[in-house]
Amino acid sequence: MFEASSPMPPALAGRANRGAGFVPLPGIDFRELLGVLWRGKLIIALSMCVALGLAAAAMLVVPYKYTATTQILIDPMDLRASQNEGNGRCRS
């Protein structure tokens, strides 16, 4: 039915199949990453405080769009007391 006109390249690319500009990525150094985050802790903390302040200010300024109220109505005619409660006497 379908025939390929040329042989297909292998699924796993070896060193010979890499492009001319391909450079493998170095591994992630977590100690260096934590060091960068630790050195920038002041900027990170200030950015977080500014963002939280802006969010709080927006909540105070923006009006509410929806409010909800609830009422529970109980009909006292449907409440049925037991027969012994109304007469004030105890039966033994």
C-alpha atoms as a PDB file:
ATOM      1  CA  MET A   1       0.000   0.000   0.000  1.00  0.00           C
ATOM      2  CA  PHE A   2       2.499   2.661   1.169  1.00  0.00           C
ATOM      3  CA  GLU A   3       6.170   2.350   0.504  1.00  0.00           C
ATOM      4  CA  ALA A   4       8.830   4.717   1.769  1.00  0.00           C
ATOM      5  CA  SER A   5      11.031   6.072  -0.980  1.00  0.00           C
ATOM      6  CA  SER A   6      14.096   6.255   1.237  1.00  0.00           C
ATOM      7  CA  PRO A   7      15.198   4.322   4.303  1.00  0.00           C
ATOM      8  CA  MET A   8      13.968   5.794   7.568  1.00  0.00           C
ATOM      9  CA  PRO A   9      16.530   7.122  10.068  1.00  0.00           C
ATOM     10  CA  PRO A  10      17.023   5.102  13.249  1.00  0.00           C
ATOM     11  CA  ALA A  11      14.772   5.967  16.191  1.00  0.00           C
ATOM     12  CA  LEU A  12      17.651   6.545  18.594  1.00  0.00           C
ATOM     13  CA  ALA A  13      19.913   9.378  17.558  1.00  0.00           C
ATOM     14  CA  GLY A  14      23.582   8.740  18.073  1.00  0.00           C
ATOM     15  CA  ARG A  15      26.436  11.238  18.080  1.00  0.00           C
ATOM     16  CA  ALA A  16      26.696  11.076  14.293  1.00  0.00           C
ATOM     17  CA  ASN A  17      23.042  12.170  13.864  1.00  0.00           C
ATOM     18  CA  ARG A  18      23.313  15.374  15.951  1.00  0.00           C
ATOM     19  CA  GLY A  19      22.990  18.738  14.282  1.00  0.00           C
ATOM     20  CA  ALA A  20      26.011  20.983  13.885  1.00  0.00           C
ATOM     21  CA  GLY A  21      24.921  23.484  16.597  1.00  0.00           C
ATOM     22  CA  PHE A  22      23.674  20.980  19.178  1.00  0.00           C
ATOM     23  CA  VAL A  23      25.300  21.273  22.598  1.00  0.00           C
ATOM     24  CA  PRO A  24      24.161  18.939  25.389  1.00  0.00           C
ATOM     25  CA  LEU A  25      22.703  20.696  28.430  1.00  0.00           C
ATOM     26  CA  PRO A  26      24.673  20.491  31.653  1.00  0.00           C
ATOM     27  CA  GLY A  27      23.091  18.830  34.689  1.00  0.00           C
ATOM     28  CA  ILE A  28      21.203  20.890  37.253  1.00  0.00           C
ATOM     29  CA  ASP A  29      23.320  21.899  40.240  1.00  0.00           C
ATOM     30  CA  PHE A  30      20.822  22.233  43.104  1.00  0.00           C
ATOM     31  CA  ARG A  31      23.353  23.795  45.461  1.00  0.00           C
ATOM     32  CA  GLU A  32      24.006  26.568  42.968  1.00  0.00           C
ATOM     33  CA  LEU A  33      20.271  27.022  42.432  1.00  0.00           C
ATOM     34  CA  LEU A  34      19.645  27.308  46.176  1.00  0.00           C
ATOM     35  CA  GLY A  35      22.564  29.735  46.443  1.00  0.00           C
ATOM     36  CA  VAL A  36      21.055  31.990  43.787  1.00  0.00           C
ATOM     37  CA  LEU A  37      17.676  31.918  45.553  1.00  0.00           C
ATOM     38  CA  TRP A  38      19.291  32.610  48.945  1.00  0.00           C
ATOM     39  CA  ARG A  39      21.243  35.577  47.570  1.00  0.00           C
ATOM     40  CA  GLY A  40      18.030  37.010  46.102  1.00  0.00           C
ATOM     41  CA  LYS A  41      15.910  36.445  49.195  1.00  0.00           C
ATOM     42  CA  LEU A  42      15.443  40.174  49.855  1.00  0.00           C
ATOM     43  CA  ILE A  43      14.130  40.843  46.355  1.00  0.00           C
ATOM     44  CA  ILE A  44      11.888  37.776  46.535  1.00  0.00           C
ATOM     45  CA  ALA A  45      10.450  38.831  49.910  1.00  0.00           C
ATOM     46  CA  LEU A  46       9.873  42.425  48.809  1.00  0.00           C
ATOM     47  CA  SER A  47       8.191  41.302  45.598  1.00  0.00           C
ATOM     48  CA  MET A  48       5.901  39.010  47.568  1.00  0.00           C
ATOM     49  CA  CYS A  49       4.969  41.798  50.003  1.00  0.00           C
ATOM     50  CA  VAL A  50       4.227  44.231  47.166  1.00  0.00           C
ATOM     51  CA  ALA A  51       2.060  41.641  45.387  1.00  0.00           C
ATOM     52  CA  LEU A  52       0.126  40.856  48.584  1.00  0.00           C
ATOM     53  CA  GLY A  53      -0.345  44.573  49.284  1.00  0.00           C
ATOM     54  CA  LEU A  54      -1.667  45.199  45.785  1.00  0.00           C
ATOM     55  CA  ALA A  55      -4.041  42.241  46.067  1.00  0.00           C
ATOM     56  CA  ALA A  56      -5.358  43.476  49.438  1.00  0.00           C
ATOM     57  CA  ALA A  57      -5.821  47.005  48.065  1.00  0.00           C
ATOM     58  CA  ALA A  58      -7.687  45.644  45.054  1.00  0.00           C
ATOM     59  CA  MET A  59     -10.021  43.672  47.319  1.00  0.00           C
ATOM     60  CA  LEU A  60     -10.841  46.816  49.300  1.00  0.00           C
ATOM     61  CA  VAL A  61     -11.388  49.014  46.234  1.00  0.00           C
ATOM     62  CA  VAL A  62     -13.322  46.666  43.930  1.00  0.00           C
ATOM     63  CA  PRO A  63     -17.028  46.566  44.859  1.00  0.00           C
ATOM     64  CA  TYR A  64     -18.824  43.309  45.552  1.00  0.00           C
ATOM     65  CA  LYS A  65     -20.786  41.982  42.598  1.00  0.00           C
ATOM     66  CA  TYR A  66     -22.845  39.365  44.390  1.00  0.00           C
ATOM     67  CA  THR A  67     -24.288  39.074  47.876  1.00  0.00           C
ATOM     68  CA  ALA A  68     -26.368  36.243  49.256  1.00  0.00           C
ATOM     69  CA  THR A  69     -28.907  36.094  52.057  1.00  0.00           C
ATOM     70  CA  THR A  70     -30.763  33.155  53.523  1.00  0.00           C
ATOM     71  CA  GLN A  71     -33.978  32.907  55.513  1.00  0.00           C
ATOM     72  CA  ILE A  72     -35.191  29.768  57.243  1.00  0.00           C
ATOM     73  CA  LEU A  73     -38.909  29.744  57.932  1.00  0.00           C
ATOM     74  CA  ILE A  74     -40.357  27.178  60.353  1.00  0.00           C
ATOM     75  CA  ASP A  75     -44.104  26.703  60.590  1.00  0.00           C
ATOM     76  CA  PRO A  76     -44.963  26.147  64.285  1.00  0.00           C
ATOM     77  CA  MET A  77     -48.189  24.342  63.359  1.00  0.00           C
ATOM     78  CA  ASP A  78     -46.176  21.407  62.026  1.00  0.00           C
ATOM     79  CA  LEU A  79     -44.338  20.910  65.333  1.00  0.00           C
ATOM     80  CA  ARG A  80     -46.011  18.079  67.190  1.00  0.00           C
ATOM     81  CA  ALA A  81     -45.424  17.776  70.915  1.00  0.00           C
ATOM     82  CA  SER A  82     -45.800  14.465  72.654  1.00  0.00           C
ATOM     83  CA  GLN A  83     -49.021  13.916  74.614  1.00  0.00           C
ATOM     84  CA  ASN A  84     -47.284  13.853  78.027  1.00  0.00           C
ATOM     85  CA  GLU A  85     -45.651  17.268  77.732  1.00  0.00           C
ATOM     86  CA  GLY A  86     -48.812  19.370  77.723  1.00  0.00           C
ATOM     87  CA  ASN A  87     -50.546  18.262  80.934  1.00  0.00           C
ATOM     88  CA  GLY A  88     -47.756  18.831  83.497  1.00  0.00           C
ATOM     89  CA  ARG A  89     -48.303  15.483  85.255  1.00  0.00           C
ATOM     90  CA  CYS A  90     -45.956  12.501  85.269  1.00  0.00           C
ATOM     91  CA  ARG A  91     -47.438   9.077  84.793  1.00  0.00           C
ATOM     92  CA  SER A  92     -45.878   6.221  86.662  1.00  0.00           C
END
